Amino acid sequence: MYGKNEKKKMLSGRLYSPREDKQLEQDEKKCRMLVRLYNGTTEEQKDYRRQLIAELLGGCGEYCKFEPPIHFDFGCNTYIGEYFYANFDCVILDVNKVVIGDHVMFGPKVCLFTAGHPIDPDIRAQVLQYGYPITIGSNVWVGGNTVINPGVTIGDNVVIGSGSVVTKDIPSNVVAAGNPCRVIREITAKDREFWSAQRDEYFENDD
């Protein structure tokens, strides 16, 4: 009933079936094993955690830290840049590619969903589904309990408020929040001035 090359269809954003595809089955099994091992580690096992993350992801930078537990569909379809941090309970359903830039931080319970299902119930009942990629730029802070939906691109230097549901693209250099997530305001020179003053005060009053 189901065709060949389901992984190729999946990564191209077309309808695919997860059934009876040996490559998808192998990729998923490897992911589940690595996630299980990672979630069973302790805080003393930093080197082992780095080893597992490097094996799990398609690519990652020098510093890539997830607070366990973590959850992935495949792991190998996720690519993360330098200096990434995700707080507890990060979920990445990467049936399509997830690309994250440098210096990105996730609050707890941030969820990235590339996976989608047909609206038509008869087609959905045939276990056909799809995935659209998610791209997050550099210097992005995503607040806790945020959901990022299939096909979304978030620009550079963005702050996403906690509890947001991101259904559409977000441009660079903005604060955005809400359900659905929308731009609240631009990030300006006044923001930099304020936080630079806070930083300077921090270093001047180290007591």
N, C-alpha and C. Protein backbone atom coordinates (compact mmCIF):
# COMPACT_ATOMS: atom_id res chain seq x y z
N MET A 1 0.83 -1.21 0.00
CA MET A 1 0.00 0.00 0.00
C MET A 1 0.86 1.26 0.00
N TYR A 2 1.97 1.23 0.77
CA TYR A 2 2.80 2.42 0.91
C TYR A 2 4.00 2.31 -0.01
N GLY A 3 4.43 3.47 -0.53
CA GLY A 3 5.51 3.49 -1.51
C GLY A 3 6.89 3.45 -0.89
N LYS A 4 7.89 3.62 -1.74
CA LYS A 4 9.28 3.64 -1.30
C LYS A 4 9.71 5.10 -1.04
N ASN A 5 10.91 5.23 -0.52
CA ASN A 5 11.51 6.54 -0.32
C ASN A 5 10.66 7.46 0.56
N GLU A 6 10.08 6.90 1.61
CA GLU A 6 9.25 7.72 2.50
C GLU A 6 10.08 8.81 3.19
N LYS A 7 11.33 8.51 3.50
CA LYS A 7 12.19 9.52 4.13
C LYS A 7 12.41 10.70 3.18
N LYS A 8 12.64 10.41 1.92
CA LYS A 8 12.83 11.47 0.93
C LYS A 8 11.58 12.34 0.83
N LYS A 9 10.43 11.70 0.80
CA LYS A 9 9.17 12.46 0.76
C LYS A 9 9.02 13.31 2.02
N MET A 10 9.33 12.72 3.16
CA MET A 10 9.20 13.42 4.44
C MET A 10 10.03 14.69 4.46
N LEU A 11 11.29 14.60 4.06
CA LEU A 11 12.19 15.74 4.12
C LEU A 11 11.91 16.77 3.04
N SER A 12 11.15 16.40 2.02
CA SER A 12 10.81 17.35 0.95
C SER A 12 9.50 18.08 1.22
N GLY A 13 8.83 17.75 2.33
CA GLY A 13 7.59 18.43 2.68
C GLY A 13 6.36 17.86 2.03
N ARG A 14 6.49 16.70 1.35
CA ARG A 14 5.33 16.05 0.74
C ARG A 14 4.66 15.11 1.74
N LEU A 15 3.46 14.67 1.41
CA LEU A 15 2.84 13.64 2.22
C LEU A 15 3.71 12.38 2.21
N TYR A 16 3.81 11.75 3.36
CA TYR A 16 4.56 10.50 3.47
C TYR A 16 3.87 9.63 4.50
N SER A 17 4.24 8.36 4.50
CA SER A 17 3.74 7.44 5.51
C SER A 17 4.90 6.94 6.36
N PRO A 18 4.77 7.00 7.70
CA PRO A 18 5.83 6.47 8.55
C PRO A 18 5.82 4.95 8.64
N ARG A 19 4.82 4.31 8.01
CA ARG A 19 4.71 2.86 8.10
C ARG A 19 5.62 2.15 7.10
N GLU A 20 6.13 1.04 7.52
CA GLU A 20 6.83 0.10 6.64
C GLU A 20 7.98 0.74 5.89
N ASP A 21 8.68 1.67 6.52
CA ASP A 21 9.88 2.25 5.93
C ASP A 21 11.06 1.94 6.84
N LYS A 22 11.95 1.11 6.36
CA LYS A 22 13.04 0.61 7.20
C LYS A 22 13.98 1.72 7.65
N GLN A 23 14.26 2.70 6.76
CA GLN A 23 15.18 3.76 7.12
C GLN A 23 14.60 4.64 8.23
N LEU A 24 13.33 5.00 8.09
CA LEU A 24 12.69 5.78 9.14
C LEU A 24 12.64 5.01 10.46
N GLU A 25 12.37 3.73 10.35
CA GLU A 25 12.33 2.89 11.55
C GLU A 25 13.68 2.86 12.25
N GLN A 26 14.76 2.71 11.47
CA GLN A 26 16.10 2.67 12.04
C GLN A 26 16.47 4.01 12.66
N ASP A 27 16.16 5.11 11.95
CA ASP A 27 16.49 6.44 12.45
C ASP A 27 15.74 6.72 13.76
N GLU A 28 14.48 6.35 13.79
CA GLU A 28 13.66 6.58 14.98
C GLU A 28 14.17 5.74 16.15
N LYS A 29 14.54 4.50 15.88
CA LYS A 29 15.03 3.62 16.94
C LYS A 29 16.32 4.17 17.54
N LYS A 30 17.23 4.62 16.69
CA LYS A 30 18.49 5.20 17.17
C LYS A 30 18.21 6.43 18.02
N CYS A 31 17.29 7.29 17.56
CA CYS A 31 16.94 8.50 18.30
C CYS A 31 16.39 8.15 19.67
N ARG A 32 15.46 7.21 19.73
CA ARG A 32 14.86 6.84 21.01
C ARG A 32 15.91 6.32 21.99
N MET A 33 16.88 5.56 21.48
CA MET A 33 17.93 5.02 22.33
C MET A 33 18.79 6.14 22.90
N LEU A 34 19.22 7.07 22.04
CA LEU A 34 20.08 8.15 22.49
C LEU A 34 19.36 9.09 23.45
N VAL A 35 18.09 9.36 23.17
CA VAL A 35 17.30 10.21 24.07
C VAL A 35 17.15 9.54 25.43
N ARG A 36 16.88 8.24 25.42
CA ARG A 36 16.73 7.51 26.68
C ARG A 36 18.03 7.56 27.48
N LEU A 37 19.16 7.35 26.81
CA LEU A 37 20.44 7.40 27.50
C LEU A 37 20.71 8.80 28.06
N TYR A 38 20.42 9.82 27.25
CA TYR A 38 20.66 11.19 27.70
C TYR A 38 19.80 11.53 28.92
N ASN A 39 18.54 11.16 28.86
CA ASN A 39 17.63 11.48 29.97
C ASN A 39 17.97 10.71 31.24
N GLY A 40 18.78 9.68 31.11
CA GLY A 40 19.19 8.92 32.27
C GLY A 40 20.52 9.36 32.87
N THR A 41 21.13 10.42 32.28
CA THR A 41 22.41 10.88 32.79
C THR A 41 22.24 11.75 34.03
N THR A 42 23.35 11.99 34.71
CA THR A 42 23.37 12.87 35.86
C THR A 42 24.19 14.12 35.53
N GLU A 43 24.11 15.11 36.42
CA GLU A 43 24.83 16.37 36.18
C GLU A 43 26.35 16.18 36.19
N GLU A 44 26.84 15.08 36.75
CA GLU A 44 28.29 14.83 36.75
C GLU A 44 28.79 14.29 35.40
N GLN A 45 27.88 13.92 34.52
CA GLN A 45 28.26 13.28 33.26
C GLN A 45 28.24 14.26 32.08
N LYS A 46 28.88 15.39 32.25
CA LYS A 46 28.85 16.44 31.22
C LYS A 46 29.48 15.98 29.91
N ASP A 47 30.61 15.30 29.98
CA ASP A 47 31.27 14.84 28.76
C ASP A 47 30.41 13.80 28.03
N TYR A 48 29.81 12.91 28.78
CA TYR A 48 28.94 11.89 28.17
C TYR A 48 27.72 12.54 27.53
N ARG A 49 27.16 13.54 28.18
CA ARG A 49 26.02 14.26 27.60
C ARG A 49 26.42 14.90 26.27
N ARG A 50 27.59 15.54 26.23
CA ARG A 50 28.04 16.17 24.98
C ARG A 50 28.22 15.12 23.89
N GLN A 51 28.74 13.97 24.27
CA GLN A 51 28.92 12.88 23.30
C GLN A 51 27.58 12.42 22.73
N LEU A 52 26.59 12.24 23.60
CA LEU A 52 25.27 11.77 23.16
C LEU A 52 24.59 12.80 22.27
N ILE A 53 24.68 14.09 22.63
CA ILE A 53 24.06 15.14 21.81
C ILE A 53 24.71 15.20 20.44
N ALA A 54 26.02 15.08 20.40
CA ALA A 54 26.72 15.11 19.11
C ALA A 54 26.29 13.95 18.22
N GLU A 55 26.05 12.80 18.83
CA GLU A 55 25.61 11.63 18.06
C GLU A 55 24.14 11.74 17.67
N LEU A 56 23.34 12.40 18.51
CA LEU A 56 21.91 12.51 18.26
C LEU A 56 21.59 13.49 17.14
N LEU A 57 22.20 14.67 17.16
CA LEU A 57 21.83 15.74 16.24
C LEU A 57 22.52 15.60 14.89
N GLY A 58 21.92 16.24 13.89
CA GLY A 58 22.55 16.28 12.57
C GLY A 58 23.82 17.10 12.59
N GLY A 59 23.86 18.10 13.45
CA GLY A 59 25.04 18.93 13.61
C GLY A 59 24.84 19.86 14.79
N CYS A 60 25.93 20.19 15.50
CA CYS A 60 25.83 21.13 16.61
C CYS A 60 27.16 21.81 16.83
N GLY A 61 27.10 23.01 17.42
CA GLY A 61 28.31 23.79 17.64
C GLY A 61 29.07 23.36 18.87
N GLU A 62 30.00 24.22 19.27
CA GLU A 62 30.93 23.90 20.36
C GLU A 62 30.21 23.70 21.68
N TYR A 63 29.27 24.59 22.00
CA TYR A 63 28.53 24.49 23.26
C TYR A 63 27.06 24.28 22.93
N CYS A 64 26.55 23.13 23.28
CA CYS A 64 25.15 22.80 22.97
C CYS A 64 24.60 22.02 24.16
N LYS A 65 23.83 22.69 25.00
CA LYS A 65 23.40 22.09 26.25
C LYS A 65 21.89 22.02 26.35
N PHE A 66 21.38 20.82 26.62
CA PHE A 66 19.97 20.58 26.91
C PHE A 66 19.84 20.08 28.34
N GLU A 67 18.96 20.72 29.12
CA GLU A 67 18.64 20.18 30.43
C GLU A 67 17.64 19.02 30.24
N PRO A 68 17.95 17.83 30.73
CA PRO A 68 17.01 16.74 30.57
C PRO A 68 15.76 16.94 31.43
N PRO A 69 14.63 16.36 30.99
CA PRO A 69 14.49 15.46 29.85
C PRO A 69 14.34 16.20 28.52
N ILE A 70 14.75 15.53 27.46
CA ILE A 70 14.56 16.02 26.10
C ILE A 70 13.72 15.01 25.33
N HIS A 71 13.16 15.47 24.20
CA HIS A 71 12.32 14.60 23.37
C HIS A 71 12.50 14.99 21.90
N PHE A 72 12.83 14.02 21.06
CA PHE A 72 12.99 14.23 19.62
C PHE A 72 12.25 13.14 18.86
N ASP A 73 11.88 13.46 17.62
CA ASP A 73 11.40 12.41 16.71
C ASP A 73 12.57 11.66 16.09
N PHE A 74 13.53 12.43 15.54
CA PHE A 74 14.67 11.80 14.84
C PHE A 74 16.02 12.33 15.31
N GLY A 75 16.09 13.59 15.68
CA GLY A 75 17.35 14.17 16.12
C GLY A 75 18.28 14.50 14.98
N CYS A 76 18.46 13.57 14.06
CA CYS A 76 19.39 13.75 12.95
C CYS A 76 18.96 14.83 11.97
N ASN A 77 17.72 15.29 12.07
CA ASN A 77 17.24 16.36 11.19
C ASN A 77 17.33 17.74 11.84
N THR A 78 17.97 17.81 13.01
CA THR A 78 18.12 19.06 13.74
C THR A 78 19.58 19.52 13.70
N TYR A 79 19.79 20.79 13.35
CA TYR A 79 21.12 21.38 13.22
C TYR A 79 21.18 22.65 14.06
N ILE A 80 22.13 22.72 14.98
CA ILE A 80 22.21 23.81 15.93
C ILE A 80 23.60 24.44 15.89
N GLY A 81 23.66 25.77 15.96
CA GLY A 81 24.92 26.49 15.89
C GLY A 81 25.67 26.53 17.21
N GLU A 82 26.48 27.57 17.39
CA GLU A 82 27.33 27.70 18.57
C GLU A 82 26.54 28.25 19.76
N TYR A 83 26.88 27.79 20.95
CA TYR A 83 26.37 28.33 22.22
C TYR A 83 24.84 28.32 22.29
N PHE A 84 24.33 27.12 22.37
CA PHE A 84 22.88 26.89 22.47
C PHE A 84 22.56 26.35 23.86
N TYR A 85 21.44 26.82 24.42
CA TYR A 85 20.98 26.31 25.72
C TYR A 85 19.48 26.11 25.68
N ALA A 86 19.03 24.94 26.11
CA ALA A 86 17.61 24.64 26.25
C ALA A 86 17.33 24.20 27.67
N ASN A 87 16.39 24.85 28.31
CA ASN A 87 15.98 24.48 29.65
C ASN A 87 15.16 23.19 29.61
N PHE A 88 14.63 22.77 30.76
CA PHE A 88 13.99 21.46 30.90
C PHE A 88 12.85 21.23 29.91
N ASP A 89 12.70 19.95 29.52
CA ASP A 89 11.52 19.48 28.77
C ASP A 89 11.40 20.06 27.37
N CYS A 90 12.50 20.19 26.66
CA CYS A 90 12.45 20.64 25.27
C CYS A 90 11.94 19.50 24.39
N VAL A 91 11.01 19.84 23.47
CA VAL A 91 10.45 18.87 22.53
C VAL A 91 10.72 19.36 21.11
N ILE A 92 11.39 18.55 20.31
CA ILE A 92 11.64 18.89 18.91
C ILE A 92 11.18 17.72 18.04
N LEU A 93 10.05 17.91 17.37
CA LEU A 93 9.53 16.91 16.44
C LEU A 93 10.08 17.24 15.07
N ASP A 94 11.22 16.66 14.74
CA ASP A 94 11.98 17.04 13.55
C ASP A 94 11.80 16.04 12.41
N VAL A 95 10.55 15.85 11.98
CA VAL A 95 10.34 15.04 10.78
C VAL A 95 10.83 15.79 9.54
N ASN A 96 10.92 17.10 9.64
CA ASN A 96 11.60 17.89 8.63
C ASN A 96 12.74 18.64 9.33
N LYS A 97 13.51 19.38 8.57
CA LYS A 97 14.73 19.97 9.10
C LYS A 97 14.41 21.11 10.08
N VAL A 98 15.16 21.12 11.18
CA VAL A 98 15.16 22.22 12.14
C VAL A 98 16.56 22.82 12.13
N VAL A 99 16.66 24.11 11.84
CA VAL A 99 17.95 24.80 11.80
C VAL A 99 17.91 25.95 12.79
N ILE A 100 18.84 25.95 13.73
CA ILE A 100 18.92 26.95 14.80
C ILE A 100 20.29 27.61 14.74
N GLY A 101 20.33 28.95 14.82
CA GLY A 101 21.59 29.68 14.71
C GLY A 101 22.43 29.68 15.97
N ASP A 102 23.28 30.69 16.08
CA ASP A 102 24.21 30.80 17.21
C ASP A 102 23.58 31.61 18.35
N HIS A 103 24.03 31.31 19.56
CA HIS A 103 23.62 32.07 20.75
C HIS A 103 22.10 32.11 20.89
N VAL A 104 21.51 30.95 20.91
CA VAL A 104 20.05 30.81 21.06
C VAL A 104 19.76 30.17 22.41
N MET A 105 18.72 30.69 23.08
CA MET A 105 18.31 30.14 24.37
C MET A 105 16.83 29.80 24.34
N PHE A 106 16.49 28.62 24.89
CA PHE A 106 15.10 28.20 25.06
C PHE A 106 14.77 28.15 26.54
N GLY A 107 13.61 28.67 26.92
CA GLY A 107 13.10 28.46 28.26
C GLY A 107 12.58 27.03 28.40
N PRO A 108 12.05 26.68 29.58
CA PRO A 108 11.53 25.32 29.78
C PRO A 108 10.29 25.06 28.93
N LYS A 109 10.15 23.82 28.53
CA LYS A 109 8.98 23.33 27.80
C LYS A 109 8.75 24.05 26.47
N VAL A 110 9.83 24.41 25.80
CA VAL A 110 9.72 24.94 24.43
C VAL A 110 9.54 23.77 23.48
N CYS A 111 8.59 23.90 22.56
CA CYS A 111 8.26 22.82 21.63
C CYS A 111 8.36 23.31 20.19
N LEU A 112 9.11 22.57 19.38
CA LEU A 112 9.21 22.84 17.95
C LEU A 112 8.56 21.68 17.21
N PHE A 113 7.51 21.98 16.45
CA PHE A 113 6.75 20.95 15.76
C PHE A 113 6.87 21.16 14.25
N THR A 114 7.71 20.37 13.58
CA THR A 114 7.70 20.41 12.10
C THR A 114 6.59 19.52 11.55
N ALA A 115 6.06 18.64 12.36
CA ALA A 115 5.10 17.63 11.89
C ALA A 115 3.69 18.19 11.77
N GLY A 116 2.99 17.75 10.74
CA GLY A 116 1.60 18.12 10.55
C GLY A 116 0.80 16.97 9.97
N HIS A 117 -0.53 17.09 10.07
CA HIS A 117 -1.43 16.05 9.58
C HIS A 117 -2.53 16.68 8.73
N PRO A 118 -3.00 15.98 7.69
CA PRO A 118 -4.03 16.54 6.82
C PRO A 118 -5.29 16.94 7.59
N ILE A 119 -5.90 18.03 7.17
CA ILE A 119 -7.15 18.46 7.79
C ILE A 119 -8.28 17.49 7.44
N ASP A 120 -8.26 16.96 6.22
CA ASP A 120 -9.30 16.01 5.81
C ASP A 120 -9.19 14.72 6.63
N PRO A 121 -10.26 14.30 7.31
CA PRO A 121 -10.16 13.14 8.19
C PRO A 121 -9.92 11.83 7.47
N ASP A 122 -10.44 11.68 6.24
CA ASP A 122 -10.24 10.43 5.50
C ASP A 122 -8.78 10.25 5.11
N ILE A 123 -8.15 11.33 4.67
CA ILE A 123 -6.73 11.25 4.31
C ILE A 123 -5.88 11.03 5.56
N ARG A 124 -6.26 11.71 6.64
CA ARG A 124 -5.53 11.55 7.90
C ARG A 124 -5.62 10.11 8.41
N ALA A 125 -6.77 9.47 8.19
CA ALA A 125 -6.96 8.09 8.65
C ALA A 125 -6.10 7.10 7.88
N GLN A 126 -5.57 7.51 6.73
CA GLN A 126 -4.69 6.65 5.94
C GLN A 126 -3.23 6.73 6.42
N VAL A 127 -3.04 7.39 7.55
CA VAL A 127 -1.72 7.54 8.18
C VAL A 127 -0.74 8.23 7.23
N LEU A 128 -1.25 9.23 6.52
CA LEU A 128 -0.40 10.08 5.71
C LEU A 128 -0.20 11.40 6.46
N GLN A 129 1.02 11.86 6.50
CA GLN A 129 1.34 13.09 7.22
C GLN A 129 2.41 13.86 6.46
N TYR A 130 2.81 15.01 7.01
CA TYR A 130 3.80 15.83 6.32
C TYR A 130 4.63 16.58 7.36
N GLY A 131 5.69 17.22 6.91
CA GLY A 131 6.49 18.06 7.79
C GLY A 131 7.05 19.24 7.02
N TYR A 132 7.01 20.42 7.63
CA TYR A 132 7.60 21.62 7.05
C TYR A 132 8.74 22.10 7.96
N PRO A 133 9.83 22.61 7.40
CA PRO A 133 11.00 22.96 8.22
C PRO A 133 10.76 24.17 9.13
N ILE A 134 11.54 24.24 10.18
CA ILE A 134 11.56 25.39 11.09
C ILE A 134 12.97 25.95 11.10
N THR A 135 13.08 27.28 10.98
CA THR A 135 14.38 27.95 11.01
C THR A 135 14.35 29.05 12.06
N ILE A 136 15.35 29.05 12.93
CA ILE A 136 15.49 30.07 13.97
C ILE A 136 16.87 30.71 13.79
N GLY A 137 16.90 32.04 13.72
CA GLY A 137 18.15 32.75 13.50
C GLY A 137 19.06 32.76 14.72
N SER A 138 20.03 33.65 14.71
CA SER A 138 20.99 33.76 15.81
C SER A 138 20.54 34.81 16.83
N ASN A 139 21.05 34.67 18.05
CA ASN A 139 20.76 35.62 19.13
C ASN A 139 19.27 35.70 19.42
N VAL A 140 18.64 34.54 19.55
CA VAL A 140 17.20 34.46 19.79
C VAL A 140 16.95 33.87 21.18
N TRP A 141 16.00 34.45 21.88
CA TRP A 141 15.57 33.94 23.19
C TRP A 141 14.09 33.58 23.07
N VAL A 142 13.78 32.31 23.28
CA VAL A 142 12.42 31.81 23.21
C VAL A 142 11.94 31.50 24.62
N GLY A 143 10.89 32.20 25.07
CA GLY A 143 10.39 32.01 26.42
C GLY A 143 9.74 30.67 26.64
N GLY A 144 9.63 30.27 27.90
CA GLY A 144 9.08 28.97 28.26
C GLY A 144 7.66 28.75 27.79
N ASN A 145 7.33 27.47 27.57
CA ASN A 145 5.99 27.06 27.14
C ASN A 145 5.58 27.64 25.79
N THR A 146 6.58 27.92 24.96
CA THR A 146 6.30 28.41 23.61
C THR A 146 6.22 27.24 22.64
N VAL A 147 5.29 27.32 21.70
CA VAL A 147 5.15 26.33 20.63
C VAL A 147 5.46 27.01 19.30
N ILE A 148 6.35 26.41 18.53
CA ILE A 148 6.68 26.90 17.19
C ILE A 148 6.19 25.87 16.18
N ASN A 149 5.30 26.30 15.30
CA ASN A 149 4.58 25.39 14.40
C ASN A 149 5.32 25.15 13.08
N PRO A 150 4.87 24.16 12.31
CA PRO A 150 5.55 23.80 11.06
C PRO A 150 5.69 24.98 10.09
N GLY A 151 6.86 25.07 9.46
CA GLY A 151 7.07 26.03 8.39
C GLY A 151 7.46 27.42 8.84
N VAL A 152 7.66 27.63 10.13
CA VAL A 152 7.93 28.97 10.66
C VAL A 152 9.43 29.30 10.55
N THR A 153 9.70 30.56 10.21
CA THR A 153 11.05 31.11 10.25
C THR A 153 11.07 32.28 11.22
N ILE A 154 12.01 32.27 12.16
CA ILE A 154 12.20 33.36 13.11
C ILE A 154 13.55 34.00 12.80
N GLY A 155 13.57 35.33 12.69
CA GLY A 155 14.80 36.03 12.32
C GLY A 155 15.81 36.11 13.43
N ASP A 156 16.83 36.97 13.24
CA ASP A 156 17.88 37.16 14.23
C ASP A 156 17.45 38.16 15.31
N ASN A 157 18.08 38.05 16.48
CA ASN A 157 17.93 39.04 17.56
C ASN A 157 16.47 39.20 17.98
N VAL A 158 15.77 38.08 18.11
CA VAL A 158 14.34 38.08 18.43
C VAL A 158 14.14 37.57 19.86
N VAL A 159 13.16 38.16 20.55
CA VAL A 159 12.69 37.64 21.83
C VAL A 159 11.25 37.21 21.65
N ILE A 160 10.96 35.94 21.96
CA ILE A 160 9.60 35.40 21.90
C ILE A 160 9.10 35.25 23.33
N GLY A 161 8.00 35.93 23.66
CA GLY A 161 7.47 35.88 25.01
C GLY A 161 6.97 34.51 25.40
N SER A 162 7.03 34.18 26.67
CA SER A 162 6.62 32.87 27.14
C SER A 162 5.15 32.62 26.86
N GLY A 163 4.83 31.36 26.60
CA GLY A 163 3.45 30.97 26.33
C GLY A 163 2.97 31.27 24.93
N SER A 164 3.86 31.67 24.05
CA SER A 164 3.46 32.03 22.68
C SER A 164 3.22 30.80 21.82
N VAL A 165 2.36 30.97 20.81
CA VAL A 165 2.15 29.96 19.78
C VAL A 165 2.50 30.62 18.46
N VAL A 166 3.64 30.24 17.90
CA VAL A 166 4.17 30.90 16.71
C VAL A 166 3.68 30.16 15.48
N THR A 167 2.78 30.79 14.74
CA THR A 167 2.16 30.17 13.57
C THR A 167 2.64 30.78 12.26
N LYS A 168 3.27 31.98 12.34
CA LYS A 168 3.75 32.66 11.14
C LYS A 168 5.16 33.18 11.39
N ASP A 169 5.84 33.53 10.30
CA ASP A 169 7.21 34.02 10.39
C ASP A 169 7.30 35.27 11.26
N ILE A 170 8.43 35.40 11.97
CA ILE A 170 8.72 36.56 12.80
C ILE A 170 9.99 37.22 12.27
N PRO A 171 9.96 38.53 11.97
CA PRO A 171 11.14 39.19 11.42
C PRO A 171 12.22 39.40 12.46
N SER A 172 13.37 39.83 12.03
CA SER A 172 14.49 40.07 12.94
C SER A 172 14.26 41.31 13.80
N ASN A 173 14.97 41.35 14.93
CA ASN A 173 15.07 42.54 15.77
C ASN A 173 13.74 43.00 16.36
N VAL A 174 12.93 42.03 16.84
CA VAL A 174 11.65 42.38 17.44
C VAL A 174 11.40 41.56 18.71
N VAL A 175 10.49 42.08 19.53
CA VAL A 175 9.90 41.30 20.61
C VAL A 175 8.52 40.88 20.12
N ALA A 176 8.21 39.59 20.24
CA ALA A 176 6.93 39.06 19.77
C ALA A 176 6.36 38.14 20.84
N ALA A 177 5.03 38.09 20.92
CA ALA A 177 4.40 37.24 21.93
C ALA A 177 2.94 37.06 21.59
N GLY A 178 2.32 36.08 22.25
CA GLY A 178 0.88 35.89 22.13
C GLY A 178 0.48 34.61 21.43
N ASN A 179 -0.82 34.37 21.40
CA ASN A 179 -1.42 33.23 20.72
C ASN A 179 -2.58 33.73 19.86
N PRO A 180 -2.35 33.85 18.53
CA PRO A 180 -1.10 33.57 17.82
C PRO A 180 -0.05 34.65 18.09
N CYS A 181 1.21 34.26 17.98
CA CYS A 181 2.32 35.16 18.24
C CYS A 181 2.35 36.30 17.22
N ARG A 182 2.54 37.51 17.72
CA ARG A 182 2.59 38.68 16.84
C ARG A 182 3.69 39.62 17.34
N VAL A 183 4.15 40.50 16.48
CA VAL A 183 5.19 41.45 16.85
C VAL A 183 4.61 42.47 17.82
N ILE A 184 5.28 42.65 18.96
CA ILE A 184 4.87 43.64 19.95
C ILE A 184 5.57 44.97 19.69
N ARG A 185 6.87 44.90 19.46
CA ARG A 185 7.63 46.12 19.16
C ARG A 185 8.99 45.74 18.62
N GLU A 186 9.68 46.74 18.06
CA GLU A 186 11.04 46.55 17.62
C GLU A 186 12.00 46.65 18.81
N ILE A 187 13.15 46.00 18.68
CA ILE A 187 14.23 46.17 19.63
C ILE A 187 15.08 47.33 19.15
N THR A 188 15.29 48.33 20.01
CA THR A 188 15.88 49.60 19.58
C THR A 188 17.19 49.89 20.30
N ALA A 189 17.79 51.03 19.93
CA ALA A 189 19.02 51.49 20.58
C ALA A 189 18.80 51.77 22.06
N LYS A 190 17.58 52.17 22.43
CA LYS A 190 17.29 52.42 23.84
C LYS A 190 17.40 51.14 24.66
N ASP A 191 16.98 50.01 24.08
CA ASP A 191 17.14 48.73 24.77
C ASP A 191 18.61 48.44 25.03
N ARG A 192 19.44 48.67 24.03
CA ARG A 192 20.87 48.42 24.20
C ARG A 192 21.46 49.34 25.26
N GLU A 193 21.07 50.62 25.24
CA GLU A 193 21.57 51.57 26.23
C GLU A 193 21.19 51.14 27.65
N PHE A 194 19.93 50.75 27.82
CA PHE A 194 19.45 50.34 29.14
C PHE A 194 20.22 49.14 29.66
N TRP A 195 20.33 48.09 28.82
CA TRP A 195 20.97 46.87 29.29
C TRP A 195 22.48 46.99 29.38
N SER A 196 23.07 47.88 28.58
CA SER A 196 24.50 48.15 28.73
C SER A 196 24.77 48.82 30.07
N ALA A 197 23.89 49.72 30.48
CA ALA A 197 24.04 50.37 31.79
C ALA A 197 23.89 49.36 32.92
N GLN A 198 22.95 48.43 32.77
CA GLN A 198 22.79 47.38 33.77
C GLN A 198 24.03 46.51 33.87
N ARG A 199 24.60 46.18 32.72
CA ARG A 199 25.83 45.38 32.71
C ARG A 199 26.98 46.12 33.37
N ASP A 200 27.14 47.41 33.05
CA ASP A 200 28.22 48.19 33.62
C ASP A 200 28.09 48.28 35.14
N GLU A 201 26.84 48.46 35.61
CA GLU A 201 26.60 48.50 37.05
C GLU A 201 26.96 47.17 37.71
N TYR A 202 26.68 46.10 37.03
CA TYR A 202 27.01 44.77 37.55
C TYR A 202 28.52 44.65 37.80
N PHE A 203 29.33 45.08 36.83
CA PHE A 203 30.78 44.94 36.96
C PHE A 203 31.36 45.96 37.94
N GLU A 204 30.72 47.11 38.05
CA GLU A 204 31.24 48.16 38.94
C GLU A 204 30.92 47.87 40.40
N ASN A 205 29.87 47.11 40.66
CA ASN A 205 29.44 46.87 42.03
C ASN A 205 29.48 45.38 42.34
N ASP A 206 30.66 44.84 42.28
CA ASP A 206 30.84 43.40 42.51
C ASP A 206 31.07 43.17 44.00
N ASP A 207 29.99 43.32 44.79
CA ASP A 207 30.13 43.09 46.22
C ASP A 207 28.90 42.37 46.77
